[in-house]
Amino acid sequence: MTQAARARRWPESLAEHVAQCQHCRGIAQAAQWMQALAQNSEKPLGLPEANLVWWRAQLAEQRRKAARTQSALEWLAFASGAVVPLGLAAWVVWNWYGIQAAAGGLLMGLAPQFSLAAVSLAALAPALLFLGAISLAYPLLVRE
């Protein structure tokens, strides 16, 4: 069978056996496929045209530059979006007592009869501002 496959001449008795035997039929088909593959690999491959190679190199360089620029712009967008809420949170922490005093004065002016409640609410004002600033920054900081 090996010699018949190499020579591509199948004696009649062997051809009948290959037609009936599934195992031998698979071997014969594999041998034909390998011979076709060997014939195709013997053909020399031509080199691509020089201008096509140059064009692909230029395109690859432009893509690398665009990727670097896009990466820098994405970082800038993230940073600029995160700076405002984080800056506000830092400002609230830095001016915690001033905000508390301003909120207390505002609430005392609105409802002087509830002075104890006004002071308690004024103590929450900086914390609420801080939580609001962090809630604005959280979606930016937890990007997937």
N, C-alpha and C. Protein backbone atom coordinates (compact mmCIF):
# COMPACT_ATOMS: atom_id res chain seq x y z
N MET A 1 0.83 -1.19 0.00
CA MET A 1 0.00 0.00 0.00
C MET A 1 0.88 1.25 0.00
N THR A 2 2.01 1.21 0.71
CA THR A 2 2.90 2.37 0.77
C THR A 2 3.47 2.68 -0.60
N GLN A 3 3.89 1.64 -1.31
CA GLN A 3 4.46 1.85 -2.64
C GLN A 3 3.40 2.34 -3.61
N ALA A 4 2.19 1.84 -3.49
CA ALA A 4 1.09 2.26 -4.38
C ALA A 4 0.76 3.73 -4.12
N ALA A 5 0.77 4.14 -2.85
CA ALA A 5 0.46 5.53 -2.52
C ALA A 5 1.55 6.45 -3.04
N ARG A 6 2.82 6.03 -2.92
CA ARG A 6 3.90 6.88 -3.41
C ARG A 6 3.88 7.00 -4.93
N ALA A 7 3.62 5.90 -5.59
CA ALA A 7 3.63 5.89 -7.06
C ALA A 7 2.31 6.40 -7.64
N ARG A 8 1.31 6.51 -6.80
CA ARG A 8 -0.03 6.94 -7.22
C ARG A 8 -0.61 5.97 -8.27
N ARG A 9 -0.23 4.74 -8.15
CA ARG A 9 -0.78 3.68 -9.00
C ARG A 9 -1.30 2.59 -8.08
N TRP A 10 -2.57 2.43 -8.07
CA TRP A 10 -3.20 1.47 -7.18
C TRP A 10 -3.59 0.23 -7.99
N PRO A 11 -3.03 -0.93 -7.66
CA PRO A 11 -3.49 -2.15 -8.33
C PRO A 11 -4.98 -2.37 -8.07
N GLU A 12 -5.62 -3.08 -8.98
CA GLU A 12 -7.08 -3.22 -8.90
C GLU A 12 -7.52 -3.87 -7.59
N SER A 13 -6.82 -4.88 -7.15
CA SER A 13 -7.20 -5.59 -5.92
C SER A 13 -7.04 -4.67 -4.70
N LEU A 14 -5.97 -3.87 -4.71
CA LEU A 14 -5.74 -2.95 -3.60
C LEU A 14 -6.77 -1.81 -3.62
N ALA A 15 -7.11 -1.34 -4.81
CA ALA A 15 -8.12 -0.28 -4.93
C ALA A 15 -9.47 -0.76 -4.42
N GLU A 16 -9.82 -2.01 -4.70
CA GLU A 16 -11.09 -2.57 -4.21
C GLU A 16 -11.06 -2.66 -2.68
N HIS A 17 -9.91 -3.10 -2.14
CA HIS A 17 -9.80 -3.22 -0.68
C HIS A 17 -9.91 -1.84 -0.01
N VAL A 18 -9.23 -0.85 -0.61
CA VAL A 18 -9.29 0.51 -0.04
C VAL A 18 -10.71 1.04 -0.09
N ALA A 19 -11.45 0.73 -1.13
CA ALA A 19 -12.83 1.19 -1.26
C ALA A 19 -13.72 0.57 -0.19
N GLN A 20 -13.39 -0.66 0.25
CA GLN A 20 -14.25 -1.34 1.22
C GLN A 20 -13.79 -1.12 2.66
N CYS A 21 -12.49 -1.00 2.89
CA CYS A 21 -11.95 -0.90 4.26
C CYS A 21 -11.84 0.58 4.67
N GLN A 22 -12.54 0.91 5.71
CA GLN A 22 -12.56 2.31 6.17
C GLN A 22 -11.19 2.74 6.67
N HIS A 23 -10.48 1.90 7.35
CA HIS A 23 -9.16 2.22 7.88
C HIS A 23 -8.17 2.50 6.74
N CYS A 24 -8.14 1.62 5.77
CA CYS A 24 -7.21 1.79 4.63
C CYS A 24 -7.61 2.99 3.77
N ARG A 25 -8.91 3.26 3.68
CA ARG A 25 -9.37 4.42 2.92
C ARG A 25 -8.88 5.71 3.58
N GLY A 26 -8.90 5.77 4.89
CA GLY A 26 -8.38 6.94 5.59
C GLY A 26 -6.89 7.12 5.37
N ILE A 27 -6.15 6.01 5.36
CA ILE A 27 -4.71 6.09 5.11
C ILE A 27 -4.44 6.59 3.69
N ALA A 28 -5.19 6.08 2.73
CA ALA A 28 -5.01 6.50 1.33
C ALA A 28 -5.33 7.98 1.16
N GLN A 29 -6.39 8.43 1.79
CA GLN A 29 -6.74 9.86 1.69
C GLN A 29 -5.67 10.73 2.35
N ALA A 30 -5.15 10.28 3.48
CA ALA A 30 -4.09 11.04 4.14
C ALA A 30 -2.84 11.10 3.28
N ALA A 31 -2.52 10.00 2.61
CA ALA A 31 -1.35 9.99 1.73
C ALA A 31 -1.54 10.95 0.56
N GLN A 32 -2.73 10.98 -0.01
CA GLN A 32 -3.01 11.91 -1.11
C GLN A 32 -2.92 13.36 -0.63
N TRP A 33 -3.43 13.60 0.53
CA TRP A 33 -3.41 14.97 1.07
C TRP A 33 -1.96 15.41 1.32
N MET A 34 -1.15 14.51 1.89
CA MET A 34 0.25 14.85 2.16
C MET A 34 1.03 15.08 0.87
N GLN A 35 0.74 14.30 -0.17
CA GLN A 35 1.41 14.50 -1.46
C GLN A 35 1.04 15.86 -2.06
N ALA A 36 -0.24 16.22 -1.94
CA ALA A 36 -0.67 17.53 -2.46
C ALA A 36 -0.02 18.66 -1.66
N LEU A 37 0.11 18.47 -0.37
CA LEU A 37 0.76 19.48 0.47
C LEU A 37 2.24 19.61 0.10
N ALA A 38 2.89 18.50 -0.15
CA ALA A 38 4.31 18.54 -0.52
C ALA A 38 4.50 19.23 -1.86
N GLN A 39 3.60 19.01 -2.79
CA GLN A 39 3.71 19.67 -4.11
C GLN A 39 3.53 21.17 -3.98
N ASN A 40 2.60 21.59 -3.15
CA ASN A 40 2.35 23.03 -2.98
C ASN A 40 3.50 23.72 -2.27
N SER A 41 4.19 23.00 -1.38
CA SER A 41 5.28 23.63 -0.64
C SER A 41 6.55 23.74 -1.48
N GLU A 42 6.65 23.00 -2.58
CA GLU A 42 7.83 23.05 -3.42
C GLU A 42 7.84 24.29 -4.30
N LYS A 43 6.69 24.90 -4.51
CA LYS A 43 6.62 26.10 -5.34
C LYS A 43 7.27 27.25 -4.58
N PRO A 44 8.19 27.97 -5.22
CA PRO A 44 8.82 29.09 -4.51
C PRO A 44 7.82 30.24 -4.33
N LEU A 45 7.87 30.79 -3.17
CA LEU A 45 7.00 31.93 -2.88
C LEU A 45 7.71 33.20 -3.32
N GLY A 46 6.97 34.05 -4.01
CA GLY A 46 7.55 35.32 -4.45
C GLY A 46 7.58 36.33 -3.30
N LEU A 47 8.52 37.20 -3.35
CA LEU A 47 8.61 38.26 -2.34
C LEU A 47 7.56 39.32 -2.63
N PRO A 48 7.02 39.93 -1.60
CA PRO A 48 6.05 41.01 -1.85
C PRO A 48 6.76 42.22 -2.46
N GLU A 49 5.98 43.05 -3.09
CA GLU A 49 6.55 44.24 -3.72
C GLU A 49 7.10 45.17 -2.63
N ALA A 50 8.15 45.89 -3.00
CA ALA A 50 8.83 46.76 -2.03
C ALA A 50 7.93 47.88 -1.55
N ASN A 51 7.13 48.45 -2.46
CA ASN A 51 6.26 49.56 -2.02
C ASN A 51 5.18 49.06 -1.06
N LEU A 52 4.76 47.80 -1.20
CA LEU A 52 3.77 47.25 -0.27
C LEU A 52 4.40 47.06 1.11
N VAL A 53 5.62 46.58 1.16
CA VAL A 53 6.32 46.42 2.43
C VAL A 53 6.53 47.78 3.09
N TRP A 54 6.93 48.77 2.31
CA TRP A 54 7.14 50.12 2.85
C TRP A 54 5.83 50.69 3.38
N TRP A 55 4.74 50.51 2.63
CA TRP A 55 3.43 51.03 3.04
C TRP A 55 2.98 50.38 4.34
N ARG A 56 3.17 49.06 4.47
CA ARG A 56 2.78 48.37 5.70
C ARG A 56 3.61 48.85 6.90
N ALA A 57 4.89 49.10 6.68
CA ALA A 57 5.74 49.61 7.75
C ALA A 57 5.28 51.00 8.18
N GLN A 58 4.95 51.85 7.23
CA GLN A 58 4.45 53.19 7.55
C GLN A 58 3.13 53.11 8.31
N LEU A 59 2.26 52.24 7.88
CA LEU A 59 0.96 52.06 8.54
C LEU A 59 1.15 51.56 9.97
N ALA A 60 2.07 50.61 10.16
CA ALA A 60 2.33 50.10 11.51
C ALA A 60 2.87 51.20 12.41
N GLU A 61 3.75 52.05 11.89
CA GLU A 61 4.30 53.15 12.68
C GLU A 61 3.22 54.15 13.06
N GLN A 62 2.32 54.45 12.12
CA GLN A 62 1.23 55.38 12.42
C GLN A 62 0.30 54.80 13.46
N ARG A 63 0.05 53.50 13.40
CA ARG A 63 -0.81 52.87 14.40
C ARG A 63 -0.17 52.92 15.79
N ARG A 64 1.15 52.70 15.86
CA ARG A 64 1.83 52.79 17.16
C ARG A 64 1.75 54.21 17.72
N LYS A 65 1.93 55.21 16.86
CA LYS A 65 1.83 56.61 17.32
C LYS A 65 0.42 56.91 17.79
N ALA A 66 -0.57 56.45 17.04
CA ALA A 66 -1.97 56.69 17.42
C ALA A 66 -2.29 56.01 18.75
N ALA A 67 -1.78 54.82 18.96
CA ALA A 67 -2.02 54.11 20.22
C ALA A 67 -1.39 54.85 21.40
N ARG A 68 -0.16 55.36 21.20
CA ARG A 68 0.48 56.13 22.28
C ARG A 68 -0.31 57.40 22.59
N THR A 69 -0.74 58.08 21.53
CA THR A 69 -1.51 59.32 21.73
C THR A 69 -2.83 59.02 22.41
N GLN A 70 -3.50 57.96 22.00
CA GLN A 70 -4.78 57.61 22.62
C GLN A 70 -4.59 57.26 24.09
N SER A 71 -3.52 56.55 24.41
CA SER A 71 -3.25 56.20 25.79
C SER A 71 -3.03 57.46 26.64
N ALA A 72 -2.28 58.41 26.09
CA ALA A 72 -2.05 59.66 26.83
C ALA A 72 -3.35 60.44 27.01
N LEU A 73 -4.18 60.48 25.98
CA LEU A 73 -5.45 61.20 26.09
C LEU A 73 -6.40 60.53 27.07
N GLU A 74 -6.40 59.21 27.10
CA GLU A 74 -7.25 58.52 28.08
C GLU A 74 -6.80 58.83 29.50
N TRP A 75 -5.49 58.84 29.73
CA TRP A 75 -4.98 59.17 31.05
C TRP A 75 -5.33 60.60 31.43
N LEU A 76 -5.21 61.52 30.48
CA LEU A 76 -5.54 62.92 30.74
C LEU A 76 -7.02 63.07 31.06
N ALA A 77 -7.89 62.37 30.33
CA ALA A 77 -9.32 62.44 30.60
C ALA A 77 -9.63 61.89 31.99
N PHE A 78 -9.00 60.81 32.36
CA PHE A 78 -9.22 60.24 33.70
C PHE A 78 -8.74 61.21 34.77
N ALA A 79 -7.54 61.75 34.58
CA ALA A 79 -6.97 62.65 35.58
C ALA A 79 -7.81 63.91 35.73
N SER A 80 -8.22 64.49 34.60
CA SER A 80 -9.00 65.72 34.69
C SER A 80 -10.38 65.47 35.30
N GLY A 81 -10.95 64.30 35.06
CA GLY A 81 -12.24 63.98 35.66
C GLY A 81 -12.14 63.69 37.15
N ALA A 82 -11.00 63.19 37.58
CA ALA A 82 -10.84 62.84 38.99
C ALA A 82 -10.34 64.00 39.83
N VAL A 83 -9.70 64.99 39.22
CA VAL A 83 -9.11 66.09 39.97
C VAL A 83 -10.18 66.94 40.66
N VAL A 84 -11.26 67.23 39.98
CA VAL A 84 -12.28 68.12 40.55
C VAL A 84 -12.92 67.51 41.80
N PRO A 85 -13.47 66.29 41.74
CA PRO A 85 -14.08 65.77 42.97
C PRO A 85 -13.06 65.51 44.08
N LEU A 86 -11.87 65.05 43.73
CA LEU A 86 -10.87 64.82 44.77
C LEU A 86 -10.37 66.14 45.35
N GLY A 87 -10.28 67.15 44.51
CA GLY A 87 -9.90 68.48 45.01
C GLY A 87 -10.96 69.03 45.95
N LEU A 88 -12.23 68.84 45.58
CA LEU A 88 -13.32 69.28 46.45
C LEU A 88 -13.28 68.54 47.78
N ALA A 89 -13.03 67.25 47.73
CA ALA A 89 -12.94 66.48 48.98
C ALA A 89 -11.78 66.98 49.84
N ALA A 90 -10.65 67.26 49.22
CA ALA A 90 -9.50 67.79 49.97
C ALA A 90 -9.82 69.16 50.56
N TRP A 91 -10.49 70.00 49.79
CA TRP A 91 -10.87 71.33 50.29
C TRP A 91 -11.79 71.21 51.49
N VAL A 92 -12.74 70.27 51.42
CA VAL A 92 -13.68 70.07 52.54
C VAL A 92 -12.90 69.64 53.79
N VAL A 93 -11.97 68.73 53.63
CA VAL A 93 -11.18 68.28 54.79
C VAL A 93 -10.36 69.43 55.34
N TRP A 94 -9.74 70.21 54.46
CA TRP A 94 -8.89 71.33 54.88
C TRP A 94 -9.71 72.39 55.62
N ASN A 95 -10.92 72.65 55.18
CA ASN A 95 -11.77 73.71 55.76
C ASN A 95 -12.92 73.13 56.58
N TRP A 96 -12.71 71.99 57.19
CA TRP A 96 -13.76 71.29 57.90
C TRP A 96 -14.45 72.19 58.94
N TYR A 97 -13.68 72.83 59.79
CA TYR A 97 -14.28 73.63 60.86
C TYR A 97 -14.90 74.91 60.32
N GLY A 98 -14.33 75.47 59.30
CA GLY A 98 -14.93 76.67 58.69
C GLY A 98 -16.28 76.37 58.07
N ILE A 99 -16.38 75.24 57.41
CA ILE A 99 -17.67 74.84 56.81
C ILE A 99 -18.68 74.57 57.91
N GLN A 100 -18.21 73.94 58.95
CA GLN A 100 -19.10 73.65 60.07
C GLN A 100 -19.62 74.95 60.70
N ALA A 101 -18.74 75.92 60.88
CA ALA A 101 -19.16 77.20 61.47
C ALA A 101 -20.11 77.95 60.55
N ALA A 102 -19.82 77.94 59.24
CA ALA A 102 -20.70 78.63 58.28
C ALA A 102 -22.06 77.97 58.24
N ALA A 103 -22.10 76.63 58.24
CA ALA A 103 -23.38 75.93 58.22
C ALA A 103 -24.15 76.18 59.52
N GLY A 104 -23.44 76.22 60.65
CA GLY A 104 -24.10 76.51 61.93
C GLY A 104 -24.67 77.91 61.95
N GLY A 105 -23.91 78.90 61.45
CA GLY A 105 -24.41 80.27 61.40
C GLY A 105 -25.62 80.39 60.49
N LEU A 106 -25.59 79.68 59.36
CA LEU A 106 -26.72 79.72 58.43
C LEU A 106 -27.96 79.10 59.07
N LEU A 107 -27.79 77.96 59.71
CA LEU A 107 -28.94 77.29 60.32
C LEU A 107 -29.45 78.06 61.54
N MET A 108 -28.55 78.71 62.30
CA MET A 108 -28.99 79.53 63.44
C MET A 108 -29.77 80.74 62.97
N GLY A 109 -29.37 81.29 61.82
CA GLY A 109 -30.10 82.43 61.28
C GLY A 109 -31.47 82.04 60.78
N LEU A 110 -31.61 80.83 60.23
CA LEU A 110 -32.89 80.38 59.70
C LEU A 110 -33.86 79.97 60.80
N ALA A 111 -33.33 79.28 61.83
CA ALA A 111 -34.22 78.79 62.89
C ALA A 111 -33.52 78.94 64.23
N PRO A 112 -33.53 80.14 64.83
CA PRO A 112 -32.82 80.35 66.10
C PRO A 112 -33.40 79.54 67.26
N GLN A 113 -34.66 79.19 67.17
CA GLN A 113 -35.25 78.45 68.28
C GLN A 113 -34.73 77.01 68.35
N PHE A 114 -34.19 76.50 67.27
CA PHE A 114 -33.65 75.12 67.26
C PHE A 114 -32.11 75.16 67.26
N SER A 115 -31.55 75.85 68.22
CA SER A 115 -30.10 76.05 68.21
C SER A 115 -29.32 74.74 68.39
N LEU A 116 -29.77 73.83 69.22
CA LEU A 116 -29.07 72.57 69.42
C LEU A 116 -29.13 71.71 68.16
N ALA A 117 -30.29 71.67 67.54
CA ALA A 117 -30.45 70.90 66.29
C ALA A 117 -29.62 71.53 65.18
N ALA A 118 -29.55 72.87 65.16
CA ALA A 118 -28.78 73.56 64.14
C ALA A 118 -27.29 73.23 64.27
N VAL A 119 -26.78 73.18 65.48
CA VAL A 119 -25.37 72.85 65.70
C VAL A 119 -25.11 71.40 65.30
N SER A 120 -26.03 70.51 65.60
CA SER A 120 -25.86 69.10 65.22
C SER A 120 -25.86 68.94 63.71
N LEU A 121 -26.79 69.61 63.05
CA LEU A 121 -26.83 69.54 61.59
C LEU A 121 -25.60 70.20 60.97
N ALA A 122 -25.12 71.25 61.58
CA ALA A 122 -23.94 71.93 61.06
C ALA A 122 -22.72 71.02 61.16
N ALA A 123 -22.68 70.16 62.15
CA ALA A 123 -21.57 69.23 62.28
C ALA A 123 -21.57 68.20 61.15
N LEU A 124 -22.73 67.93 60.58
CA LEU A 124 -22.83 66.97 59.49
C LEU A 124 -22.53 67.58 58.12
N ALA A 125 -22.57 68.89 58.01
CA ALA A 125 -22.41 69.54 56.71
C ALA A 125 -21.08 69.20 56.03
N PRO A 126 -19.94 69.30 56.71
CA PRO A 126 -18.69 68.94 56.02
C PRO A 126 -18.64 67.47 55.61
N ALA A 127 -19.18 66.61 56.46
CA ALA A 127 -19.18 65.19 56.14
C ALA A 127 -20.03 64.92 54.90
N LEU A 128 -21.16 65.56 54.80
CA LEU A 128 -22.02 65.37 53.63
C LEU A 128 -21.35 65.90 52.36
N LEU A 129 -20.68 67.05 52.47
CA LEU A 129 -19.95 67.57 51.32
C LEU A 129 -18.82 66.62 50.90
N PHE A 130 -18.12 66.09 51.88
CA PHE A 130 -17.04 65.16 51.59
C PHE A 130 -17.57 63.89 50.91
N LEU A 131 -18.64 63.34 51.44
CA LEU A 131 -19.23 62.14 50.83
C LEU A 131 -19.74 62.42 49.42
N GLY A 132 -20.30 63.60 49.21
CA GLY A 132 -20.75 63.97 47.87
C GLY A 132 -19.59 64.05 46.89
N ALA A 133 -18.48 64.62 47.32
CA ALA A 133 -17.31 64.73 46.44
C ALA A 133 -16.73 63.35 46.13
N ILE A 134 -16.64 62.50 47.12
CA ILE A 134 -16.11 61.16 46.90
C ILE A 134 -17.07 60.34 46.03
N SER A 135 -18.37 60.53 46.19
CA SER A 135 -19.31 59.78 45.34
C SER A 135 -19.20 60.23 43.88
N LEU A 136 -18.78 61.45 43.64
CA LEU A 136 -18.53 61.88 42.26
C LEU A 136 -17.25 61.26 41.70
N ALA A 137 -16.26 61.07 42.54
CA ALA A 137 -14.98 60.54 42.10
C ALA A 137 -14.97 59.02 42.03
N TYR A 138 -15.82 58.36 42.77
CA TYR A 138 -15.79 56.89 42.85
C TYR A 138 -15.94 56.20 41.48
N PRO A 139 -16.91 56.58 40.65
CA PRO A 139 -17.02 55.89 39.36
C PRO A 139 -15.76 56.09 38.48
N LEU A 140 -15.08 57.18 38.64
CA LEU A 140 -13.87 57.41 37.86
C LEU A 140 -12.71 56.56 38.37
N LEU A 141 -12.66 56.37 39.67
CA LEU A 141 -11.55 55.64 40.26
C LEU A 141 -11.71 54.12 40.14
N VAL A 142 -12.92 53.66 39.93
CA VAL A 142 -13.18 52.22 39.86
C VAL A 142 -13.55 51.83 38.43
N ARG A 143 -12.77 52.31 37.49
CA ARG A 143 -13.02 51.96 36.09
C ARG A 143 -12.57 50.54 35.82
N GLU A 144 -13.30 49.85 34.96
CA GLU A 144 -12.94 48.47 34.63
C GLU A 144 -12.17 48.44 33.35
